[in-house]
Each structure stands twice: as structure tokens, then as C-alpha cells.
Amino acid sequence: MRVAEIRIRDAATLLGVSDDTVRRWVTSGVLEATSGERAVTTVDGEQLAALARERAGRPPDDGAGVLRSARNRFTGLVTEVIADRVMAQVTLQCGPFEVTSLMSAEAVRELGLQPGVVATAVVKATTVIVERRAP
């Protein structure tokens, strides 16, 4: 199976850094780059995945003193709360990702959720759909 070659620009987007940062990593030997056809510089997808995992590290300790099975935690800013008497829709902007949660209006009140509040979305799903472009 052929290893994915990822353009510098796309590698930067995937890791949430600038193109210049990826180029500095190439220059310093953190990533290896190749120049293929049309002088397009790419990095090895497997090596990029290893760097992404290394950079992700462990989530920061929130001081709660509890262990969790959920690994997908997205801290961000509440941007919208739509609530009626029973249910609410809360949207957070977590870096480049928008996360929306449906919860009880009571939970929104108890948590004090409103636009401008920093909150963490914890996702534990039994179904995760993965897509990719056709080769």
C-alpha cells in the first residue's frame, strides 16, 4: 500500500499550524520532505500522523480528580444558546470546530451557559463515521 504524501499547506491545516511552521520542521529534521512532480513539496502521511499524536499529548488536568473513559474533549467558547422551557441547543466554537449539544434547559441554567462562557464538550459516541477522498 502506497504511503500518503501530503502537501505542506495541507499538513499545516491538519495540524493547526502555519505553512512556515511545517517548513521549519522540515528544515530542522522533525519531518522529512520530498519534492515530486511539478516541484511540489510533500511530507510522509505516516510521519505526519506520528507527529500529530505526539503534539496532541494528554488533555490538561481539569482538577476534577476523576478518571474518564471519554477521550474526545473540546474546550471552547459558547457562541449560541437556544432554549425553550424543556430543551436547549448549545453551540461552542472549539478552535476551528463547531460543536453543538442538545441538553435540558435545566442543565443550561445549572451550568450557567450563555454566549461568551468557556466550556468543554465531552464526546463519547458509539458510532463514528470516517470519510476520505477517493484515491
N, C-alpha and C. Protein backbone atom coordinates (compact mmCIF):
# COMPACT_ATOMS: atom_id res chain seq x y z
N MET A 1 0.84 -1.17 0.00
CA MET A 1 0.00 0.00 0.00
C MET A 1 0.89 1.24 0.00
N ARG A 2 0.59 2.18 -0.86
CA ARG A 2 1.37 3.40 -1.01
C ARG A 2 1.11 4.35 0.16
N VAL A 3 2.17 4.92 0.71
CA VAL A 3 2.06 5.87 1.82
C VAL A 3 1.57 7.21 1.27
N ALA A 4 0.66 7.83 2.00
CA ALA A 4 0.13 9.13 1.58
C ALA A 4 1.21 10.19 1.62
N GLU A 5 1.25 11.00 0.58
CA GLU A 5 2.13 12.16 0.53
C GLU A 5 1.25 13.38 0.67
N ILE A 6 1.53 14.21 1.66
CA ILE A 6 0.67 15.34 1.97
C ILE A 6 1.42 16.63 1.73
N ARG A 7 0.80 17.53 0.99
CA ARG A 7 1.41 18.82 0.68
C ARG A 7 1.62 19.61 1.97
N ILE A 8 2.64 20.46 1.96
CA ILE A 8 2.99 21.29 3.12
C ILE A 8 1.76 22.07 3.59
N ARG A 9 1.06 22.72 2.68
CA ARG A 9 -0.12 23.53 3.03
C ARG A 9 -1.18 22.68 3.73
N ASP A 10 -1.42 21.48 3.22
CA ASP A 10 -2.43 20.60 3.80
C ASP A 10 -1.97 20.05 5.15
N ALA A 11 -0.67 19.75 5.28
CA ALA A 11 -0.13 19.28 6.56
C ALA A 11 -0.31 20.35 7.63
N ALA A 12 -0.06 21.60 7.26
CA ALA A 12 -0.23 22.72 8.21
C ALA A 12 -1.68 22.83 8.65
N THR A 13 -2.60 22.72 7.73
CA THR A 13 -4.03 22.80 8.06
C THR A 13 -4.42 21.66 9.00
N LEU A 14 -3.96 20.46 8.71
CA LEU A 14 -4.31 19.30 9.53
C LEU A 14 -3.78 19.41 10.96
N LEU A 15 -2.63 20.05 11.13
CA LEU A 15 -2.04 20.18 12.47
C LEU A 15 -2.38 21.51 13.14
N GLY A 16 -3.07 22.39 12.42
CA GLY A 16 -3.46 23.66 13.01
C GLY A 16 -2.29 24.61 13.21
N VAL A 17 -1.32 24.56 12.31
CA VAL A 17 -0.16 25.45 12.37
C VAL A 17 -0.01 26.14 11.02
N SER A 18 0.95 27.04 10.91
CA SER A 18 1.18 27.73 9.65
C SER A 18 2.05 26.89 8.72
N ASP A 19 2.00 27.23 7.43
CA ASP A 19 2.87 26.58 6.45
C ASP A 19 4.34 26.76 6.85
N ASP A 20 4.67 27.96 7.34
CA ASP A 20 6.05 28.24 7.75
C ASP A 20 6.50 27.32 8.88
N THR A 21 5.60 27.00 9.80
CA THR A 21 5.95 26.10 10.90
C THR A 21 6.31 24.72 10.35
N VAL A 22 5.51 24.22 9.41
CA VAL A 22 5.81 22.91 8.81
C VAL A 22 7.15 22.98 8.07
N ARG A 23 7.40 24.06 7.36
CA ARG A 23 8.69 24.20 6.66
C ARG A 23 9.86 24.23 7.65
N ARG A 24 9.68 24.89 8.81
CA ARG A 24 10.73 24.90 9.84
C ARG A 24 10.96 23.48 10.37
N TRP A 25 9.88 22.72 10.54
CA TRP A 25 10.03 21.34 11.00
C TRP A 25 10.81 20.52 9.98
N VAL A 26 10.58 20.78 8.69
CA VAL A 26 11.32 20.08 7.64
C VAL A 26 12.80 20.48 7.72
N THR A 27 13.07 21.77 7.83
CA THR A 27 14.45 22.27 7.88
C THR A 27 15.19 21.72 9.10
N SER A 28 14.50 21.62 10.23
CA SER A 28 15.16 21.15 11.46
C SER A 28 15.19 19.62 11.57
N GLY A 29 14.57 18.91 10.63
CA GLY A 29 14.61 17.45 10.64
C GLY A 29 13.48 16.78 11.41
N VAL A 30 12.53 17.55 11.91
CA VAL A 30 11.38 16.97 12.61
C VAL A 30 10.54 16.17 11.63
N LEU A 31 10.40 16.68 10.41
CA LEU A 31 9.68 15.99 9.33
C LEU A 31 10.61 15.88 8.13
N GLU A 32 10.46 14.80 7.38
CA GLU A 32 11.21 14.67 6.12
C GLU A 32 10.28 15.06 4.99
N ALA A 33 10.83 15.76 4.01
CA ALA A 33 10.04 16.20 2.87
C ALA A 33 10.64 15.65 1.59
N THR A 34 9.77 15.50 0.58
CA THR A 34 10.21 15.10 -0.74
C THR A 34 9.59 16.06 -1.75
N SER A 35 10.30 16.25 -2.84
CA SER A 35 9.76 17.06 -3.93
C SER A 35 9.48 16.13 -5.09
N GLY A 36 8.22 16.05 -5.45
CA GLY A 36 7.81 15.15 -6.52
C GLY A 36 7.65 15.91 -7.82
N GLU A 37 6.72 15.43 -8.63
CA GLU A 37 6.42 16.07 -9.90
C GLU A 37 5.99 17.51 -9.67
N ARG A 38 6.27 18.35 -10.61
CA ARG A 38 5.90 19.78 -10.58
C ARG A 38 6.49 20.49 -9.37
N ALA A 39 7.57 19.97 -8.81
CA ALA A 39 8.29 20.59 -7.68
C ALA A 39 7.38 20.88 -6.49
N VAL A 40 6.39 20.01 -6.26
CA VAL A 40 5.51 20.16 -5.10
C VAL A 40 6.15 19.42 -3.93
N THR A 41 6.35 20.12 -2.82
CA THR A 41 6.95 19.52 -1.64
C THR A 41 5.88 18.85 -0.81
N THR A 42 6.15 17.60 -0.41
CA THR A 42 5.20 16.84 0.39
C THR A 42 5.91 16.22 1.60
N VAL A 43 5.12 15.84 2.58
CA VAL A 43 5.64 15.10 3.73
C VAL A 43 4.92 13.76 3.78
N ASP A 44 5.56 12.81 4.40
CA ASP A 44 5.03 11.46 4.52
C ASP A 44 3.83 11.46 5.49
N GLY A 45 2.70 10.92 5.06
CA GLY A 45 1.49 10.91 5.87
C GLY A 45 1.64 10.16 7.18
N GLU A 46 2.35 9.04 7.16
CA GLU A 46 2.54 8.26 8.39
C GLU A 46 3.39 9.03 9.40
N GLN A 47 4.43 9.70 8.90
CA GLN A 47 5.28 10.50 9.78
C GLN A 47 4.49 11.70 10.34
N LEU A 48 3.64 12.29 9.51
CA LEU A 48 2.81 13.41 9.96
C LEU A 48 1.82 12.94 11.03
N ALA A 49 1.26 11.76 10.85
CA ALA A 49 0.32 11.22 11.85
C ALA A 49 1.03 11.01 13.19
N ALA A 50 2.26 10.50 13.16
CA ALA A 50 3.03 10.30 14.39
C ALA A 50 3.28 11.65 15.08
N LEU A 51 3.62 12.67 14.31
CA LEU A 51 3.85 14.00 14.87
C LEU A 51 2.56 14.56 15.47
N ALA A 52 1.44 14.34 14.80
CA ALA A 52 0.15 14.83 15.31
C ALA A 52 -0.17 14.19 16.64
N ARG A 53 0.06 12.89 16.77
CA ARG A 53 -0.21 12.20 18.04
C ARG A 53 0.72 12.71 19.13
N GLU A 54 1.98 12.90 18.79
CA GLU A 54 2.97 13.40 19.75
C GLU A 54 2.59 14.80 20.24
N ARG A 55 2.18 15.67 19.30
CA ARG A 55 1.82 17.05 19.66
C ARG A 55 0.52 17.11 20.45
N ALA A 56 -0.38 16.15 20.23
CA ALA A 56 -1.66 16.17 20.93
C ALA A 56 -1.47 15.94 22.42
N GLY A 57 -0.55 15.05 22.77
CA GLY A 57 -0.29 14.78 24.18
C GLY A 57 -1.54 14.36 24.93
N ARG A 58 -1.54 14.57 26.21
CA ARG A 58 -2.68 14.23 27.05
C ARG A 58 -3.47 15.50 27.30
N PRO A 59 -4.79 15.37 27.45
CA PRO A 59 -5.58 16.56 27.75
C PRO A 59 -5.17 17.13 29.10
N PRO A 60 -5.26 18.45 29.26
CA PRO A 60 -4.87 19.04 30.54
C PRO A 60 -5.77 18.56 31.67
N ASP A 61 -5.21 18.48 32.85
CA ASP A 61 -5.96 18.09 34.04
C ASP A 61 -6.91 19.22 34.40
N ASP A 62 -8.19 18.92 34.50
CA ASP A 62 -9.17 19.96 34.81
C ASP A 62 -9.40 20.10 36.31
N GLY A 63 -8.64 19.35 37.11
CA GLY A 63 -8.74 19.47 38.55
C GLY A 63 -9.92 18.75 39.18
N ALA A 64 -10.72 18.05 38.38
CA ALA A 64 -11.91 17.39 38.90
C ALA A 64 -11.57 16.16 39.75
N GLY A 65 -10.38 15.59 39.56
CA GLY A 65 -9.99 14.44 40.35
C GLY A 65 -10.73 13.16 40.00
N VAL A 66 -11.27 13.07 38.78
CA VAL A 66 -11.97 11.87 38.35
C VAL A 66 -11.32 11.34 37.07
N LEU A 67 -11.41 10.04 36.88
CA LEU A 67 -10.95 9.42 35.65
C LEU A 67 -12.13 9.33 34.70
N ARG A 68 -11.87 9.47 33.39
CA ARG A 68 -12.94 9.44 32.40
C ARG A 68 -12.61 8.45 31.29
N SER A 69 -13.64 7.83 30.77
CA SER A 69 -13.42 6.96 29.61
C SER A 69 -13.46 7.77 28.33
N ALA A 70 -14.10 8.92 28.33
CA ALA A 70 -14.19 9.75 27.13
C ALA A 70 -12.85 10.43 26.86
N ARG A 71 -12.37 10.32 25.67
CA ARG A 71 -11.09 10.93 25.29
C ARG A 71 -11.27 12.19 24.44
N ASN A 72 -12.44 12.37 23.90
CA ASN A 72 -12.68 13.48 22.99
C ASN A 72 -13.25 14.66 23.76
N ARG A 73 -12.37 15.58 24.12
CA ARG A 73 -12.75 16.75 24.90
C ARG A 73 -12.39 18.00 24.10
N PHE A 74 -13.36 18.85 23.90
CA PHE A 74 -13.17 20.06 23.10
C PHE A 74 -13.52 21.27 23.94
N THR A 75 -12.53 22.03 24.35
CA THR A 75 -12.78 23.24 25.12
C THR A 75 -12.92 24.40 24.16
N GLY A 76 -13.94 25.22 24.41
CA GLY A 76 -14.17 26.35 23.52
C GLY A 76 -15.08 27.38 24.16
N LEU A 77 -15.53 28.26 23.33
CA LEU A 77 -16.36 29.38 23.75
C LEU A 77 -17.80 29.13 23.34
N VAL A 78 -18.73 29.28 24.28
CA VAL A 78 -20.14 29.16 23.94
C VAL A 78 -20.48 30.34 23.02
N THR A 79 -21.04 30.03 21.85
CA THR A 79 -21.38 31.09 20.90
C THR A 79 -22.88 31.30 20.77
N GLU A 80 -23.68 30.28 21.14
CA GLU A 80 -25.12 30.41 20.99
C GLU A 80 -25.84 29.45 21.92
N VAL A 81 -26.91 29.92 22.52
CA VAL A 81 -27.78 29.08 23.33
C VAL A 81 -29.21 29.35 22.89
N ILE A 82 -29.89 28.32 22.42
CA ILE A 82 -31.30 28.43 22.05
C ILE A 82 -32.06 27.50 22.99
N ALA A 83 -32.94 28.07 23.78
CA ALA A 83 -33.63 27.25 24.79
C ALA A 83 -35.12 27.56 24.82
N ASP A 84 -35.89 26.52 25.13
CA ASP A 84 -37.30 26.73 25.45
C ASP A 84 -37.47 26.29 26.90
N ARG A 85 -38.66 25.94 27.32
CA ARG A 85 -38.88 25.56 28.72
C ARG A 85 -38.23 24.23 29.08
N VAL A 86 -38.08 23.34 28.09
CA VAL A 86 -37.62 21.98 28.39
C VAL A 86 -36.23 21.68 27.84
N MET A 87 -35.98 22.02 26.59
CA MET A 87 -34.73 21.63 25.92
C MET A 87 -33.95 22.86 25.47
N ALA A 88 -32.65 22.61 25.20
CA ALA A 88 -31.77 23.69 24.73
C ALA A 88 -30.78 23.14 23.72
N GLN A 89 -30.33 24.04 22.86
CA GLN A 89 -29.27 23.74 21.90
C GLN A 89 -28.13 24.70 22.22
N VAL A 90 -26.96 24.15 22.53
CA VAL A 90 -25.80 24.95 22.90
C VAL A 90 -24.71 24.72 21.86
N THR A 91 -24.17 25.80 21.31
CA THR A 91 -23.11 25.70 20.31
C THR A 91 -21.83 26.30 20.88
N LEU A 92 -20.73 25.56 20.73
CA LEU A 92 -19.41 26.01 21.16
C LEU A 92 -18.51 26.12 19.94
N GLN A 93 -17.63 27.11 19.93
CA GLN A 93 -16.59 27.20 18.91
C GLN A 93 -15.32 26.74 19.58
N CYS A 94 -14.83 25.57 19.16
CA CYS A 94 -13.65 24.95 19.76
C CYS A 94 -12.54 24.95 18.72
N GLY A 95 -11.76 26.01 18.70
CA GLY A 95 -10.75 26.17 17.66
C GLY A 95 -11.47 26.27 16.33
N PRO A 96 -11.05 25.49 15.35
CA PRO A 96 -11.72 25.55 14.04
C PRO A 96 -13.02 24.74 13.99
N PHE A 97 -13.37 24.08 15.09
CA PHE A 97 -14.52 23.19 15.09
C PHE A 97 -15.69 23.77 15.84
N GLU A 98 -16.87 23.60 15.28
CA GLU A 98 -18.10 23.99 15.94
C GLU A 98 -18.74 22.72 16.49
N VAL A 99 -19.06 22.73 17.78
CA VAL A 99 -19.67 21.58 18.42
C VAL A 99 -21.02 22.02 18.97
N THR A 100 -22.06 21.26 18.64
CA THR A 100 -23.40 21.59 19.11
C THR A 100 -23.92 20.45 19.97
N SER A 101 -24.52 20.81 21.10
CA SER A 101 -25.06 19.83 22.03
C SER A 101 -26.53 20.12 22.30
N LEU A 102 -27.32 19.08 22.39
CA LEU A 102 -28.71 19.20 22.81
C LEU A 102 -28.78 18.72 24.25
N MET A 103 -29.37 19.52 25.12
CA MET A 103 -29.45 19.17 26.54
C MET A 103 -30.69 19.79 27.13
N SER A 104 -30.95 19.49 28.36
CA SER A 104 -32.12 20.07 29.02
C SER A 104 -31.87 21.55 29.29
N ALA A 105 -32.94 22.32 29.27
CA ALA A 105 -32.85 23.74 29.62
C ALA A 105 -32.39 23.89 31.07
N GLU A 106 -32.77 22.94 31.91
CA GLU A 106 -32.35 22.95 33.30
C GLU A 106 -30.82 22.84 33.41
N ALA A 107 -30.20 21.97 32.59
CA ALA A 107 -28.75 21.82 32.60
C ALA A 107 -28.06 23.12 32.18
N VAL A 108 -28.64 23.80 31.18
CA VAL A 108 -28.08 25.08 30.74
C VAL A 108 -28.08 26.07 31.89
N ARG A 109 -29.19 26.13 32.62
CA ARG A 109 -29.28 27.05 33.76
C ARG A 109 -28.28 26.67 34.86
N GLU A 110 -28.21 25.38 35.18
CA GLU A 110 -27.31 24.92 36.24
C GLU A 110 -25.85 25.20 35.90
N LEU A 111 -25.49 25.04 34.63
CA LEU A 111 -24.11 25.27 34.20
C LEU A 111 -23.82 26.74 33.91
N GLY A 112 -24.86 27.56 33.86
CA GLY A 112 -24.66 28.98 33.57
C GLY A 112 -24.16 29.21 32.15
N LEU A 113 -24.64 28.40 31.22
CA LEU A 113 -24.18 28.51 29.84
C LEU A 113 -24.86 29.68 29.13
N GLN A 114 -24.03 30.53 28.56
CA GLN A 114 -24.51 31.66 27.76
C GLN A 114 -23.36 32.07 26.85
N PRO A 115 -23.64 32.79 25.77
CA PRO A 115 -22.55 33.22 24.89
C PRO A 115 -21.45 33.93 25.67
N GLY A 116 -20.22 33.54 25.36
CA GLY A 116 -19.06 34.14 26.00
C GLY A 116 -18.47 33.30 27.12
N VAL A 117 -19.18 32.26 27.56
CA VAL A 117 -18.69 31.39 28.63
C VAL A 117 -17.78 30.32 28.03
N VAL A 118 -16.67 30.03 28.70
CA VAL A 118 -15.78 28.94 28.27
C VAL A 118 -16.31 27.64 28.85
N ALA A 119 -16.44 26.63 28.00
CA ALA A 119 -16.96 25.33 28.42
C ALA A 119 -16.24 24.23 27.65
N THR A 120 -16.40 23.00 28.11
CA THR A 120 -15.79 21.86 27.44
C THR A 120 -16.87 20.88 27.02
N ALA A 121 -16.85 20.50 25.76
CA ALA A 121 -17.75 19.46 25.24
C ALA A 121 -17.01 18.13 25.35
N VAL A 122 -17.62 17.16 26.00
CA VAL A 122 -17.04 15.83 26.13
C VAL A 122 -17.88 14.90 25.28
N VAL A 123 -17.22 14.23 24.31
CA VAL A 123 -17.95 13.40 23.36
C VAL A 123 -17.60 11.94 23.57
N LYS A 124 -18.60 11.14 23.77
CA LYS A 124 -18.44 9.68 23.88
C LYS A 124 -19.49 9.08 22.96
N ALA A 125 -19.08 8.58 21.84
CA ALA A 125 -20.03 8.10 20.84
C ALA A 125 -19.80 6.62 20.55
N THR A 126 -20.89 5.93 20.28
CA THR A 126 -20.77 4.54 19.87
C THR A 126 -20.61 4.41 18.37
N THR A 127 -20.92 5.48 17.64
CA THR A 127 -20.76 5.47 16.19
C THR A 127 -19.94 6.66 15.76
N VAL A 128 -18.87 6.40 15.05
CA VAL A 128 -18.06 7.46 14.46
C VAL A 128 -17.91 7.12 12.99
N ILE A 129 -18.30 8.00 12.13
CA ILE A 129 -18.22 7.79 10.69
C ILE A 129 -16.94 8.45 10.18
N VAL A 130 -16.15 7.72 9.42
CA VAL A 130 -14.90 8.23 8.87
C VAL A 130 -15.04 8.30 7.36
N GLU A 131 -14.68 9.41 6.78
CA GLU A 131 -14.73 9.59 5.33
C GLU A 131 -13.35 9.96 4.82
N ARG A 132 -13.12 9.71 3.55
CA ARG A 132 -11.91 10.19 2.89
C ARG A 132 -12.18 10.32 1.40
N ARG A 133 -11.36 11.13 0.78
CA ARG A 133 -11.48 11.28 -0.68
C ARG A 133 -11.04 9.99 -1.36
N ALA A 134 -11.65 9.71 -2.48
CA ALA A 134 -11.26 8.54 -3.26
C ALA A 134 -9.85 8.76 -3.81
N PRO A 135 -9.01 7.72 -3.76
CA PRO A 135 -7.63 7.87 -4.27
C PRO A 135 -7.59 8.07 -5.77
